């Protein structure tokens, strides 16, 4: 699974692919090109970082079909679609499906670069959030059964006395478990402990 930030350009038009790749490489962006959405899917499993620029109208699999496929796979890679003037309704439909932007051909270079920088920022945030969730999940997995039971009670909004009653232990014991949980989970407050747990369980 790569952590490299790459812009994936998908277009069946060689000239568009080449000119876009040249533009992005000139702006110090790492680029990979694909002549079809099918080829991209064959070569790009497990990607976490980067973004996709795809033509909206292509043979075999359209840009919109690609977006729907990526959504079904749970991909968080931001997608920008490029579209001819007649394909704007299709691009708007792609926006509804979750793409971050669509850009009409012929596109302005600076407009494309601005959209890409925004998409790469989104990608970095997604990757950091995913990394944080994995880290928290690992901490949760190291908790004892009783610690997890106390944590579940706290996340459910139960007071110490209620947690104690439900588990058949004393409120003082719950306080000890709560202090241990804060240390093990590296949480500075109860609200942070709850937020971390909810985020990891999403």
Protein backbone atom coordinates (compact mmCIF):
# COMPACT_ATOMS: atom_id res chain seq x y z
CA UNK A 1 0.00 0.00 0.00
CA UNK A 2 1.68 3.18 -1.17
CA UNK A 3 1.79 6.39 0.84
CA UNK A 4 3.22 8.40 -2.08
CA UNK A 5 1.08 11.32 -3.21
CA UNK A 6 0.37 10.87 -6.91
CA UNK A 7 -2.00 12.48 -9.40
CA UNK A 8 -3.60 9.76 -11.52
CA UNK A 9 -4.62 11.03 -14.96
CA UNK A 10 -7.20 8.93 -16.79
CA UNK A 11 -8.12 9.93 -20.35
CA UNK A 12 -8.48 7.99 -23.60
CA UNK A 13 -7.04 10.95 -25.53
CA UNK A 14 -3.23 10.62 -25.71
CA UNK A 15 -2.72 14.36 -26.34
CA UNK A 16 -4.77 15.37 -23.29
CA UNK A 17 -2.95 12.85 -21.07
CA UNK A 18 0.47 13.99 -22.24
CA UNK A 19 -0.20 17.73 -21.99
CA UNK A 20 -1.77 17.37 -18.54
CA UNK A 21 1.09 15.20 -17.32
CA UNK A 22 3.60 17.79 -18.59
CA UNK A 23 1.73 20.60 -16.82
CA UNK A 24 1.64 18.76 -13.49
CA UNK A 25 5.23 17.54 -13.65
CA UNK A 26 6.28 21.14 -14.35
CA UNK A 27 4.51 22.02 -11.07
CA UNK A 28 6.50 19.31 -9.23
CA UNK A 29 3.59 16.88 -8.93
CA UNK A 30 4.11 13.12 -9.25
CA UNK A 31 1.97 11.79 -12.10
CA UNK A 32 0.79 8.47 -13.50
CA UNK A 33 -1.29 8.21 -16.66
CA UNK A 34 -3.84 5.62 -17.81
CA UNK A 35 -5.66 5.32 -21.12
CA UNK A 36 -8.84 4.01 -19.49
CA UNK A 37 -10.62 3.72 -16.17
CA UNK A 38 -10.39 -0.06 -16.47
CA UNK A 39 -6.58 0.13 -16.77
CA UNK A 40 -6.43 2.44 -13.73
CA UNK A 41 -8.42 -0.03 -11.64
CA UNK A 42 -6.16 -2.89 -12.74
CA UNK A 43 -3.02 -1.07 -11.63
CA UNK A 44 -4.01 0.95 -8.60
CA UNK A 45 -5.42 -1.19 -5.81
CA UNK A 46 -4.70 -0.10 -2.24
CA UNK A 47 -4.07 3.58 -2.93
CA UNK A 48 -4.44 5.88 0.06
CA UNK A 49 -2.94 9.15 -1.10
CA UNK A 50 -3.13 11.35 -4.13
CA UNK A 51 -6.05 12.20 -6.37
CA UNK A 52 -7.62 11.31 -9.70
CA UNK A 53 -8.21 13.46 -12.76
CA UNK A 54 -10.48 11.65 -15.18
CA UNK A 55 -12.28 12.46 -18.39
CA UNK A 56 -16.00 12.08 -17.83
CA UNK A 57 -16.75 10.44 -21.22
CA UNK A 58 -14.63 7.39 -22.08
CA UNK A 59 -15.31 4.01 -23.71
CA UNK A 60 -15.83 0.87 -21.56
CA UNK A 61 -16.13 2.80 -18.28
CA UNK A 62 -17.04 6.49 -18.01
CA UNK A 63 -15.62 8.81 -15.39
CA UNK A 64 -18.96 8.71 -13.61
CA UNK A 65 -18.94 4.88 -13.60
CA UNK A 66 -15.43 5.04 -12.13
CA UNK A 67 -16.56 7.37 -9.34
CA UNK A 68 -19.43 5.04 -8.48
CA UNK A 69 -17.09 2.06 -8.47
CA UNK A 70 -14.60 3.84 -6.19
CA UNK A 71 -17.43 4.85 -3.84
CA UNK A 72 -18.56 1.22 -3.63
CA UNK A 73 -14.97 0.22 -2.78
CA UNK A 74 -14.81 2.81 0.01
CA UNK A 75 -12.05 4.81 -1.70
CA UNK A 76 -11.27 8.23 -0.22
CA UNK A 77 -9.22 9.45 -3.20
CA UNK A 78 -10.57 12.84 -4.34
CA UNK A 79 -11.68 12.92 -7.98
CA UNK A 80 -11.70 15.80 -10.46
CA UNK A 81 -13.51 15.24 -13.75
CA UNK A 82 -12.66 17.04 -16.96
CA UNK A 83 -15.47 17.48 -19.41
CA UNK A 84 -16.34 18.78 -22.83
CA UNK A 85 -18.98 21.51 -23.05
CA UNK A 86 -21.76 19.05 -23.92
CA UNK A 87 -20.98 16.81 -20.97
CA UNK A 88 -21.64 19.34 -18.20
CA UNK A 89 -24.88 17.60 -17.06
CA UNK A 90 -22.88 14.38 -16.71
CA UNK A 91 -20.21 16.26 -14.74
CA UNK A 92 -22.86 17.72 -12.42
CA UNK A 93 -24.16 14.18 -11.85
CA UNK A 94 -20.59 13.18 -10.99
CA UNK A 95 -20.45 16.04 -8.45
CA UNK A 96 -23.56 14.60 -6.82
CA UNK A 97 -21.75 11.25 -6.69
CA UNK A 98 -18.92 12.84 -4.74
CA UNK A 99 -16.28 14.30 -7.09
CA UNK A 100 -14.59 17.39 -5.65
CA UNK A 101 -14.59 19.45 -8.86
CA UNK A 102 -15.23 19.41 -12.59
CA UNK A 103 -13.33 21.44 -15.13
CA UNK A 104 -14.43 22.18 -18.69
CA UNK A 105 -12.13 21.74 -21.70
CA UNK A 106 -10.19 23.62 -22.82
CA UNK A 107 -9.12 24.30 -19.27
CA UNK A 108 -6.95 27.06 -17.88
CA UNK A 109 -3.68 25.68 -16.49
CA UNK A 110 -3.84 27.70 -13.26
CA UNK A 111 -7.46 26.66 -12.69
CA UNK A 112 -6.45 23.00 -13.01
CA UNK A 113 -3.45 23.40 -10.67
CA UNK A 114 -5.57 25.19 -8.07
CA UNK A 115 -8.20 22.43 -8.19
CA UNK A 116 -5.50 19.78 -7.87
CA UNK A 117 -3.82 21.43 -4.90
CA UNK A 118 -7.20 21.56 -3.17
CA UNK A 119 -7.82 17.87 -3.97
CA UNK A 120 -4.37 16.86 -2.71
CA UNK A 121 -5.02 18.75 0.56
CA UNK A 122 -8.23 16.73 0.94
CA UNK A 123 -6.28 13.54 0.24
CA UNK A 124 -3.64 14.36 2.85
CA UNK A 125 -6.34 15.03 5.44
CA UNK A 126 -8.06 11.73 4.61
CA UNK A 127 -4.76 9.83 4.88
CA UNK A 128 -3.95 11.45 8.23
CA UNK A 129 -7.45 10.67 9.56
CA UNK A 130 -7.17 7.04 8.39
CA UNK A 131 -3.75 6.73 10.05
CA UNK A 132 -5.12 8.20 13.28
CA UNK A 133 -8.08 5.78 13.22
CA UNK A 134 -5.71 2.81 12.76
CA UNK A 135 -3.55 4.03 15.65
CA UNK A 136 -6.55 4.42 17.95
CA UNK A 137 -7.92 1.01 16.90
CA UNK A 138 -4.60 -0.56 17.92
CA UNK A 139 -4.80 1.10 21.34
CA UNK A 140 -8.40 -0.10 21.74
CA UNK A 141 -7.35 -3.64 20.84
CA UNK A 142 -4.82 -3.62 23.71
CA UNK A 143 -7.47 -2.84 26.35
CA UNK A 144 -8.59 -5.58 28.71
CA UNK A 145 -12.18 -6.83 28.54
CA UNK A 146 -13.10 -4.91 31.69
CA UNK A 147 -11.43 -1.71 30.45
CA UNK A 148 -13.40 -1.95 27.23
CA UNK A 149 -16.63 -2.47 29.19
CA UNK A 150 -15.97 0.66 31.25
CA UNK A 151 -15.06 2.57 28.09
CA UNK A 152 -18.28 1.47 26.35
CA UNK A 153 -20.26 2.74 29.33
CA UNK A 154 -18.50 6.10 29.23
CA UNK A 155 -18.99 6.41 25.46
CA UNK A 156 -22.70 5.67 25.99
CA UNK A 157 -22.79 8.73 28.28
CA UNK A 158 -23.21 6.82 31.52
CA UNK A 159 -22.07 8.31 34.82
CA UNK A 160 -19.46 6.42 36.86
CA UNK A 161 -22.17 5.20 39.27
CA UNK A 162 -24.24 3.76 36.43
CA UNK A 163 -21.21 2.04 34.87
CA UNK A 164 -20.33 0.63 38.30
CA UNK A 165 -23.86 -0.66 38.85
CA UNK A 166 -24.05 -2.29 35.42
CA UNK A 167 -20.68 -4.02 35.86
CA UNK A 168 -21.13 -4.94 39.53
CA UNK A 169 -18.09 -2.98 40.68
CA UNK A 170 -17.63 0.09 42.87
CA UNK A 171 -17.64 3.66 41.53
CA UNK A 172 -14.11 4.03 42.89
CA UNK A 173 -13.00 1.06 40.77
CA UNK A 174 -14.61 2.69 37.73
CA UNK A 175 -12.57 5.83 38.45
CA UNK A 176 -9.38 3.74 38.51
CA UNK A 177 -10.30 2.10 35.18
CA UNK A 178 -11.16 5.52 33.74
CA UNK A 179 -7.74 6.89 34.74
CA UNK A 180 -6.06 3.83 33.19
CA UNK A 181 -8.09 4.31 29.99
CA UNK A 182 -6.99 7.93 29.70
CA UNK A 183 -3.36 6.84 29.98
CA UNK A 184 -3.59 3.86 27.61
CA UNK A 185 -5.60 5.77 25.00
CA UNK A 186 -3.43 8.90 25.40
CA UNK A 187 -6.52 11.07 25.90
CA UNK A 188 -6.27 14.38 27.75
CA UNK A 189 -9.98 14.59 28.60
CA UNK A 190 -13.13 12.48 28.70
CA UNK A 191 -14.46 14.25 25.61
CA UNK A 192 -11.29 13.37 23.69
CA UNK A 193 -11.54 9.76 24.86
CA UNK A 194 -15.13 9.56 23.60
CA UNK A 195 -14.28 11.27 20.28
CA UNK A 196 -11.34 8.94 19.65
CA UNK A 197 -13.46 5.86 20.34
CA UNK A 198 -16.33 7.00 18.14
CA UNK A 199 -13.96 7.88 15.29
CA UNK A 200 -12.25 4.49 15.48
CA UNK A 201 -15.58 2.65 15.46
CA UNK A 202 -16.89 4.49 12.36
